[in-house]
Amino acid sequence: MKSLILIGLLVTSSLAYAETPVFELHIKDHQFTPAELQIPAGTKVKLLVKNMDVSPEEFESYELNREKIIPGKSEAVVFIGPLDPGTYGFFGEFNMDTAKGKIIVE
């Protein structure tokens, strides 16, 4: 019986992880693309942030309470949500004049 419960928990957690929507952000020339990213409300999402530049950049958002350095020519994962509808700003701390964006939750 215990093994059936364990298998059920593993399958459930695997399905939940597999169903997490993935959204990509790219950093190129010290700018985020897309600068506006729409995601669904009430859903945990996975942001895959790909830094195409050779220099590091940071994905930072006070509103999302997230901060992640992405070395040059690499990628990082940032989980956010579930979020209420609204607009949440983010920026790259190393290039604050150009690396800006917002996540629009609908």
N, C-alpha and C. Protein backbone atom coordinates (compact mmCIF):
# COMPACT_ATOMS: atom_id res chain seq x y z
N MET A 1 0.82 -1.20 0.00
CA MET A 1 0.00 0.00 0.00
C MET A 1 0.86 1.26 0.00
N LYS A 2 1.92 1.24 0.84
CA LYS A 2 2.80 2.41 0.90
C LYS A 2 3.46 2.67 -0.43
N SER A 3 3.83 1.61 -1.14
CA SER A 3 4.49 1.80 -2.43
C SER A 3 3.53 2.41 -3.45
N LEU A 4 2.25 2.06 -3.39
CA LEU A 4 1.27 2.66 -4.29
C LEU A 4 1.10 4.15 -4.01
N ILE A 5 1.09 4.52 -2.75
CA ILE A 5 0.98 5.94 -2.39
C ILE A 5 2.21 6.69 -2.89
N LEU A 6 3.39 6.12 -2.70
CA LEU A 6 4.63 6.75 -3.15
C LEU A 6 4.63 6.92 -4.66
N ILE A 7 4.22 5.88 -5.38
CA ILE A 7 4.15 5.97 -6.84
C ILE A 7 3.16 7.05 -7.26
N GLY A 8 2.01 7.12 -6.60
CA GLY A 8 1.02 8.15 -6.90
C GLY A 8 1.57 9.55 -6.68
N LEU A 9 2.30 9.73 -5.59
CA LEU A 9 2.91 11.04 -5.32
C LEU A 9 3.96 11.40 -6.35
N LEU A 10 4.76 10.44 -6.76
CA LEU A 10 5.79 10.70 -7.77
C LEU A 10 5.17 11.06 -9.11
N VAL A 11 4.15 10.34 -9.50
CA VAL A 11 3.48 10.63 -10.76
C VAL A 11 2.82 12.00 -10.71
N THR A 12 2.15 12.32 -9.62
CA THR A 12 1.49 13.61 -9.47
C THR A 12 2.50 14.74 -9.52
N SER A 13 3.61 14.62 -8.81
CA SER A 13 4.61 15.69 -8.82
C SER A 13 5.27 15.80 -10.18
N SER A 14 5.47 14.70 -10.87
CA SER A 14 6.06 14.74 -12.21
C SER A 14 5.12 15.43 -13.19
N LEU A 15 3.83 15.12 -13.10
CA LEU A 15 2.86 15.77 -13.98
C LEU A 15 2.77 17.26 -13.70
N ALA A 16 2.79 17.64 -12.45
CA ALA A 16 2.73 19.06 -12.10
C ALA A 16 3.93 19.79 -12.65
N TYR A 17 5.11 19.19 -12.55
CA TYR A 17 6.31 19.82 -13.07
C TYR A 17 6.26 19.90 -14.59
N ALA A 18 5.78 18.85 -15.24
CA ALA A 18 5.73 18.82 -16.71
C ALA A 18 4.75 19.84 -17.26
N GLU A 19 3.73 20.20 -16.49
CA GLU A 19 2.72 21.12 -16.97
C GLU A 19 3.07 22.59 -16.72
N THR A 20 4.20 22.87 -16.09
CA THR A 20 4.61 24.25 -15.85
C THR A 20 4.93 24.91 -17.18
N PRO A 21 4.19 25.97 -17.54
CA PRO A 21 4.47 26.65 -18.82
C PRO A 21 5.86 27.30 -18.79
N VAL A 22 6.53 27.25 -19.94
CA VAL A 22 7.86 27.83 -20.07
C VAL A 22 7.79 29.03 -21.01
N PHE A 23 8.38 30.14 -20.57
CA PHE A 23 8.46 31.35 -21.37
C PHE A 23 9.92 31.75 -21.48
N GLU A 24 10.34 32.22 -22.66
CA GLU A 24 11.74 32.59 -22.86
C GLU A 24 11.93 34.09 -22.92
N LEU A 25 12.98 34.54 -22.29
CA LEU A 25 13.47 35.91 -22.41
C LEU A 25 14.89 35.83 -22.92
N HIS A 26 15.25 36.70 -23.85
CA HIS A 26 16.61 36.74 -24.36
C HIS A 26 17.22 38.08 -23.99
N ILE A 27 18.50 38.05 -23.72
CA ILE A 27 19.27 39.27 -23.50
C ILE A 27 20.25 39.38 -24.65
N LYS A 28 20.14 40.45 -25.41
CA LYS A 28 21.06 40.68 -26.53
C LYS A 28 21.27 42.18 -26.65
N ASP A 29 22.52 42.57 -26.78
CA ASP A 29 22.87 43.99 -26.84
C ASP A 29 22.34 44.74 -25.63
N HIS A 30 22.39 44.08 -24.49
CA HIS A 30 21.98 44.65 -23.19
C HIS A 30 20.50 45.05 -23.15
N GLN A 31 19.68 44.29 -23.88
CA GLN A 31 18.23 44.51 -23.89
C GLN A 31 17.52 43.18 -23.75
N PHE A 32 16.37 43.21 -23.07
CA PHE A 32 15.53 42.02 -22.96
C PHE A 32 14.59 41.94 -24.16
N THR A 33 14.45 40.73 -24.70
CA THR A 33 13.52 40.49 -25.78
C THR A 33 12.72 39.25 -25.44
N PRO A 34 11.41 39.31 -25.44
CA PRO A 34 10.60 40.51 -25.64
C PRO A 34 10.65 41.41 -24.42
N ALA A 35 10.46 42.69 -24.65
CA ALA A 35 10.45 43.66 -23.55
C ALA A 35 9.16 43.56 -22.74
N GLU A 36 8.12 43.03 -23.36
CA GLU A 36 6.85 42.78 -22.67
C GLU A 36 6.49 41.31 -22.87
N LEU A 37 6.30 40.62 -21.77
CA LEU A 37 6.01 39.20 -21.81
C LEU A 37 4.66 38.96 -21.13
N GLN A 38 3.74 38.32 -21.83
CA GLN A 38 2.43 38.03 -21.25
C GLN A 38 2.41 36.60 -20.72
N ILE A 39 1.92 36.46 -19.48
CA ILE A 39 1.78 35.14 -18.87
C ILE A 39 0.38 35.02 -18.25
N PRO A 40 -0.08 33.79 -18.03
CA PRO A 40 -1.42 33.62 -17.46
C PRO A 40 -1.44 33.90 -15.95
N ALA A 41 -2.54 34.47 -15.50
CA ALA A 41 -2.74 34.72 -14.07
C ALA A 41 -2.97 33.40 -13.34
N GLY A 42 -2.57 33.37 -12.08
CA GLY A 42 -2.83 32.20 -11.24
C GLY A 42 -2.07 30.95 -11.60
N THR A 43 -0.97 31.10 -12.35
CA THR A 43 -0.21 29.94 -12.81
C THR A 43 1.27 30.14 -12.53
N LYS A 44 1.91 29.15 -11.95
CA LYS A 44 3.36 29.19 -11.78
C LYS A 44 3.99 28.98 -13.15
N VAL A 45 4.96 29.81 -13.51
CA VAL A 45 5.62 29.68 -14.80
C VAL A 45 7.13 29.64 -14.63
N LYS A 46 7.76 29.08 -15.63
CA LYS A 46 9.21 28.97 -15.67
C LYS A 46 9.72 29.94 -16.73
N LEU A 47 10.56 30.90 -16.31
CA LEU A 47 11.21 31.80 -17.26
C LEU A 47 12.58 31.23 -17.58
N LEU A 48 12.84 31.02 -18.84
CA LEU A 48 14.15 30.61 -19.29
C LEU A 48 14.81 31.86 -19.85
N VAL A 49 15.80 32.37 -19.14
CA VAL A 49 16.46 33.61 -19.52
C VAL A 49 17.79 33.26 -20.18
N LYS A 50 17.91 33.59 -21.48
CA LYS A 50 19.10 33.27 -22.25
C LYS A 50 19.90 34.55 -22.51
N ASN A 51 21.12 34.58 -22.02
CA ASN A 51 21.99 35.73 -22.23
C ASN A 51 22.85 35.48 -23.46
N MET A 52 22.58 36.21 -24.53
CA MET A 52 23.31 36.06 -25.78
C MET A 52 24.57 36.92 -25.80
N ASP A 53 24.68 37.86 -24.88
CA ASP A 53 25.85 38.73 -24.80
C ASP A 53 27.01 38.00 -24.14
N VAL A 54 28.23 38.53 -24.31
CA VAL A 54 29.39 37.93 -23.66
C VAL A 54 29.52 38.38 -22.21
N SER A 55 28.94 39.51 -21.89
CA SER A 55 29.02 40.02 -20.52
C SER A 55 27.83 39.52 -19.69
N PRO A 56 28.00 39.41 -18.39
CA PRO A 56 26.89 38.95 -17.54
C PRO A 56 25.80 40.01 -17.44
N GLU A 57 24.61 39.56 -17.13
CA GLU A 57 23.48 40.45 -16.86
C GLU A 57 22.68 39.85 -15.73
N GLU A 58 21.87 40.68 -15.13
CA GLU A 58 21.06 40.23 -14.01
C GLU A 58 19.59 40.42 -14.34
N PHE A 59 18.81 39.39 -14.07
CA PHE A 59 17.36 39.52 -14.12
C PHE A 59 16.94 39.89 -12.70
N GLU A 60 16.38 41.09 -12.55
CA GLU A 60 15.98 41.53 -11.22
C GLU A 60 14.61 42.18 -11.27
N SER A 61 13.83 41.91 -10.24
CA SER A 61 12.51 42.50 -10.11
C SER A 61 12.17 42.64 -8.64
N TYR A 62 11.94 43.87 -8.22
CA TYR A 62 11.51 44.10 -6.85
C TYR A 62 10.09 43.57 -6.65
N GLU A 63 9.24 43.78 -7.67
CA GLU A 63 7.84 43.38 -7.57
C GLU A 63 7.66 41.87 -7.54
N LEU A 64 8.56 41.15 -8.22
CA LEU A 64 8.50 39.68 -8.24
C LEU A 64 9.39 39.05 -7.17
N ASN A 65 10.17 39.89 -6.51
CA ASN A 65 11.10 39.41 -5.48
C ASN A 65 12.06 38.36 -6.05
N ARG A 66 12.65 38.69 -7.20
CA ARG A 66 13.58 37.78 -7.87
C ARG A 66 14.84 38.54 -8.25
N GLU A 67 15.95 37.81 -8.19
CA GLU A 67 17.25 38.35 -8.56
C GLU A 67 18.13 37.19 -8.99
N LYS A 68 18.61 37.23 -10.22
CA LYS A 68 19.40 36.11 -10.74
C LYS A 68 20.43 36.65 -11.73
N ILE A 69 21.70 36.35 -11.50
CA ILE A 69 22.75 36.74 -12.43
C ILE A 69 22.88 35.65 -13.49
N ILE A 70 22.91 36.09 -14.75
CA ILE A 70 23.07 35.17 -15.87
C ILE A 70 24.41 35.49 -16.53
N PRO A 71 25.40 34.62 -16.37
CA PRO A 71 26.69 34.87 -17.01
C PRO A 71 26.54 34.99 -18.53
N GLY A 72 27.53 35.62 -19.17
CA GLY A 72 27.51 35.75 -20.62
C GLY A 72 27.46 34.40 -21.31
N LYS A 73 26.75 34.36 -22.42
CA LYS A 73 26.63 33.15 -23.24
C LYS A 73 26.12 31.95 -22.45
N SER A 74 25.14 32.21 -21.57
CA SER A 74 24.55 31.11 -20.80
C SER A 74 23.07 31.39 -20.56
N GLU A 75 22.44 30.52 -19.80
CA GLU A 75 21.02 30.69 -19.51
C GLU A 75 20.75 30.30 -18.07
N ALA A 76 19.62 30.78 -17.58
CA ALA A 76 19.21 30.49 -16.21
C ALA A 76 17.70 30.36 -16.17
N VAL A 77 17.22 29.68 -15.15
CA VAL A 77 15.79 29.49 -14.95
C VAL A 77 15.35 30.31 -13.75
N VAL A 78 14.22 30.99 -13.92
CA VAL A 78 13.60 31.75 -12.84
C VAL A 78 12.13 31.35 -12.78
N PHE A 79 11.68 30.83 -11.65
CA PHE A 79 10.27 30.49 -11.48
C PHE A 79 9.55 31.68 -10.86
N ILE A 80 8.38 31.99 -11.40
CA ILE A 80 7.56 33.06 -10.83
C ILE A 80 6.11 32.59 -10.77
N GLY A 81 5.36 33.24 -9.89
CA GLY A 81 3.95 32.96 -9.79
C GLY A 81 3.65 31.87 -8.78
N PRO A 82 2.35 31.59 -8.69
CA PRO A 82 1.24 32.19 -9.42
C PRO A 82 1.04 33.66 -9.02
N LEU A 83 0.67 34.47 -10.02
CA LEU A 83 0.54 35.91 -9.83
C LEU A 83 -0.88 36.38 -10.11
N ASP A 84 -1.26 37.46 -9.45
CA ASP A 84 -2.52 38.13 -9.74
C ASP A 84 -2.36 38.95 -11.02
N PRO A 85 -3.47 39.23 -11.72
CA PRO A 85 -3.38 40.08 -12.90
C PRO A 85 -2.73 41.42 -12.56
N GLY A 86 -1.93 41.90 -13.50
CA GLY A 86 -1.24 43.18 -13.31
C GLY A 86 0.02 43.22 -14.14
N THR A 87 0.80 44.26 -13.90
CA THR A 87 2.06 44.46 -14.61
C THR A 87 3.19 44.48 -13.60
N TYR A 88 4.22 43.70 -13.87
CA TYR A 88 5.36 43.54 -12.98
C TYR A 88 6.63 43.88 -13.75
N GLY A 89 7.34 44.89 -13.30
CA GLY A 89 8.55 45.31 -13.98
C GLY A 89 9.75 44.46 -13.62
N PHE A 90 10.72 44.40 -14.54
CA PHE A 90 12.00 43.76 -14.29
C PHE A 90 13.08 44.55 -15.01
N PHE A 91 14.32 44.33 -14.63
CA PHE A 91 15.43 45.06 -15.25
C PHE A 91 16.72 44.27 -15.09
N GLY A 92 17.72 44.69 -15.86
CA GLY A 92 19.06 44.16 -15.73
C GLY A 92 19.90 45.17 -14.98
N GLU A 93 20.35 44.81 -13.81
CA GLU A 93 21.03 45.78 -12.95
C GLU A 93 22.35 46.28 -13.55
N PHE A 94 22.98 45.49 -14.40
CA PHE A 94 24.26 45.90 -14.97
C PHE A 94 24.11 46.89 -16.13
N ASN A 95 22.92 46.97 -16.72
CA ASN A 95 22.65 47.89 -17.83
C ASN A 95 21.25 48.46 -17.66
N MET A 96 21.05 49.20 -16.60
CA MET A 96 19.71 49.65 -16.23
C MET A 96 19.08 50.61 -17.25
N ASP A 97 19.89 51.29 -18.05
CA ASP A 97 19.34 52.21 -19.04
C ASP A 97 18.68 51.49 -20.21
N THR A 98 19.17 50.29 -20.52
CA THR A 98 18.65 49.59 -21.70
C THR A 98 17.95 48.28 -21.39
N ALA A 99 18.35 47.61 -20.33
CA ALA A 99 17.81 46.28 -20.01
C ALA A 99 16.60 46.43 -19.09
N LYS A 100 15.43 46.65 -19.71
CA LYS A 100 14.19 46.85 -18.98
C LYS A 100 13.08 46.04 -19.63
N GLY A 101 12.12 45.68 -18.82
CA GLY A 101 10.97 44.98 -19.37
C GLY A 101 9.86 44.87 -18.35
N LYS A 102 8.77 44.24 -18.81
CA LYS A 102 7.65 44.02 -17.88
C LYS A 102 6.94 42.73 -18.23
N ILE A 103 6.41 42.13 -17.19
CA ILE A 103 5.60 40.93 -17.35
C ILE A 103 4.16 41.35 -17.13
N ILE A 104 3.33 41.06 -18.11
CA ILE A 104 1.91 41.40 -18.03
C ILE A 104 1.16 40.11 -17.75
N VAL A 105 0.47 40.11 -16.63
CA VAL A 105 -0.25 38.92 -16.17
C VAL A 105 -1.73 39.14 -16.43
N GLU A 106 -2.32 38.25 -17.20
CA GLU A 106 -3.75 38.35 -17.56
C GLU A 106 -4.46 37.05 -17.27
